[in-house]
Amino acid sequence: MRFRSFRGRLVIVFVGLFAVIQATCFLVVAVAVRTSARKEINEELRLARPIGIAASAERHHKAKFLARIGMTESEYGRRRRYVRRQKILAGRGLPVVPSLVPK
């Protein structure tokens, strides 16, 4: 590439240098952000692991209980909601309707 003046050469050198510095900074920041994000995610997963294990164990025990009494989870939930609703109605002094018991 032929330049007409020294000033043109100088501008190209500085623009190229600026582009290299910008690219380097971009890569350094991208790596730092990725590293920080991975560290944060790993920490969150490490802290959440006991909660997940406890929730899994609780769900397992609930499934065993439901299998033992011969109910599905939705049936069990429907009956629990019914009992809760009847307790609320009884607490307000409203009549409890036994014919609405889910089967």
Protein backbone atom coordinates (compact mmCIF):
# COMPACT_ATOMS: atom_id res chain seq x y z
CA MET A 1 0.00 0.00 0.00
CA ARG A 2 1.46 3.29 -1.03
CA PHE A 3 0.96 6.33 1.15
CA ARG A 4 1.13 9.88 -0.09
CA SER A 5 2.31 11.33 3.20
CA PHE A 6 3.78 10.48 6.54
CA ARG A 7 0.60 11.76 8.16
CA GLY A 8 -1.44 9.08 6.33
CA ARG A 9 0.92 6.37 7.56
CA LEU A 10 0.69 7.68 11.09
CA VAL A 11 -3.13 7.71 11.01
CA ILE A 12 -3.26 4.11 9.74
CA VAL A 13 -0.82 2.97 12.44
CA PHE A 14 -2.80 4.64 15.22
CA VAL A 15 -6.17 3.42 13.90
CA GLY A 16 -4.77 -0.12 13.67
CA LEU A 17 -3.28 0.13 17.15
CA PHE A 18 -6.61 1.42 18.48
CA ALA A 19 -8.47 -1.48 16.83
CA VAL A 20 -6.05 -4.02 18.33
CA ILE A 21 -6.41 -2.47 21.79
CA GLN A 22 -10.21 -2.44 21.48
CA ALA A 23 -10.29 -6.09 20.41
CA THR A 24 -7.96 -7.08 23.25
CA CYS A 25 -10.06 -5.23 25.82
CA PHE A 26 -13.22 -6.83 24.46
CA LEU A 27 -11.73 -10.31 24.75
CA VAL A 28 -10.38 -9.68 28.26
CA VAL A 29 -13.75 -8.38 29.46
CA ALA A 30 -15.64 -11.25 27.79
CA VAL A 31 -13.39 -13.82 29.49
CA ALA A 32 -13.72 -12.06 32.86
CA VAL A 33 -17.51 -11.91 32.59
CA ARG A 34 -17.73 -15.56 31.58
CA THR A 35 -15.45 -16.61 34.44
CA SER A 36 -17.40 -14.55 36.95
CA ALA A 37 -20.72 -15.91 35.70
CA ARG A 38 -19.51 -19.50 35.93
CA LYS A 39 -18.19 -18.94 39.43
CA GLU A 40 -21.51 -17.36 40.49
CA ILE A 41 -23.56 -20.16 38.90
CA ASN A 42 -21.42 -22.85 40.53
CA GLU A 43 -21.81 -21.14 43.91
CA GLU A 44 -25.59 -20.93 43.48
CA LEU A 45 -25.76 -24.59 42.48
CA ARG A 46 -23.60 -25.58 45.43
CA LEU A 47 -25.87 -23.69 47.83
CA ALA A 48 -29.07 -25.01 46.23
CA ARG A 49 -27.99 -28.65 46.21
CA PRO A 50 -29.12 -29.46 49.78
CA ILE A 51 -32.48 -27.80 49.10
CA GLY A 52 -32.95 -29.89 45.97
CA ILE A 53 -31.99 -33.07 47.80
CA ALA A 54 -34.43 -32.28 50.62
CA ALA A 55 -37.23 -31.49 48.15
CA SER A 56 -36.54 -34.71 46.28
CA ALA A 57 -36.60 -36.73 49.50
CA GLU A 58 -39.84 -35.03 50.57
CA ARG A 59 -41.44 -35.80 47.21
CA HIS A 60 -40.28 -39.41 47.47
CA HIS A 61 -41.82 -39.80 50.93
CA LYS A 62 -45.06 -38.21 49.73
CA ALA A 63 -45.20 -40.58 46.74
CA LYS A 64 -44.64 -43.56 49.06
CA PHE A 65 -47.40 -42.32 51.37
CA LEU A 66 -49.83 -41.84 48.49
CA ALA A 67 -49.02 -45.28 47.11
CA ARG A 68 -49.60 -46.80 50.54
CA ILE A 69 -53.05 -45.22 50.93
CA GLY A 70 -53.92 -45.86 47.28
CA MET A 71 -54.47 -42.29 46.06
CA THR A 72 -53.13 -40.21 43.24
CA GLU A 73 -51.50 -36.89 44.00
CA SER A 74 -54.31 -34.89 42.40
CA GLU A 75 -56.94 -36.81 44.40
CA TYR A 76 -55.00 -36.23 47.61
CA GLY A 77 -54.67 -32.51 46.82
CA ARG A 78 -58.38 -32.21 46.04
CA ARG A 79 -59.27 -33.79 49.38
CA ARG A 80 -56.85 -31.57 51.27
CA ARG A 81 -58.33 -28.46 49.62
CA TYR A 82 -61.81 -29.66 50.53
CA VAL A 83 -60.87 -30.17 54.18
CA ARG A 84 -59.16 -26.78 54.32
CA ARG A 85 -62.21 -25.09 52.76
CA GLN A 86 -64.56 -26.82 55.22
CA LYS A 87 -62.41 -25.67 58.16
CA ILE A 88 -62.54 -22.09 56.88
CA LEU A 89 -66.31 -22.26 56.47
CA ALA A 90 -66.74 -23.76 59.95
CA GLY A 91 -64.49 -21.07 61.41
CA ARG A 92 -66.72 -18.37 59.90
CA GLY A 93 -69.83 -19.99 61.31
CA LEU A 94 -71.10 -21.07 57.91
CA PRO A 95 -72.71 -24.47 57.40
CA VAL A 96 -70.54 -27.35 56.28
CA VAL A 97 -72.12 -29.30 53.42
CA PRO A 98 -71.15 -32.98 53.72
CA SER A 99 -72.62 -33.85 50.33
CA LEU A 100 -69.74 -31.98 48.64
CA VAL A 101 -67.12 -34.45 49.86
CA PRO A 102 -65.02 -35.42 46.85
CA LYS A 103 -65.04 -39.08 46.05
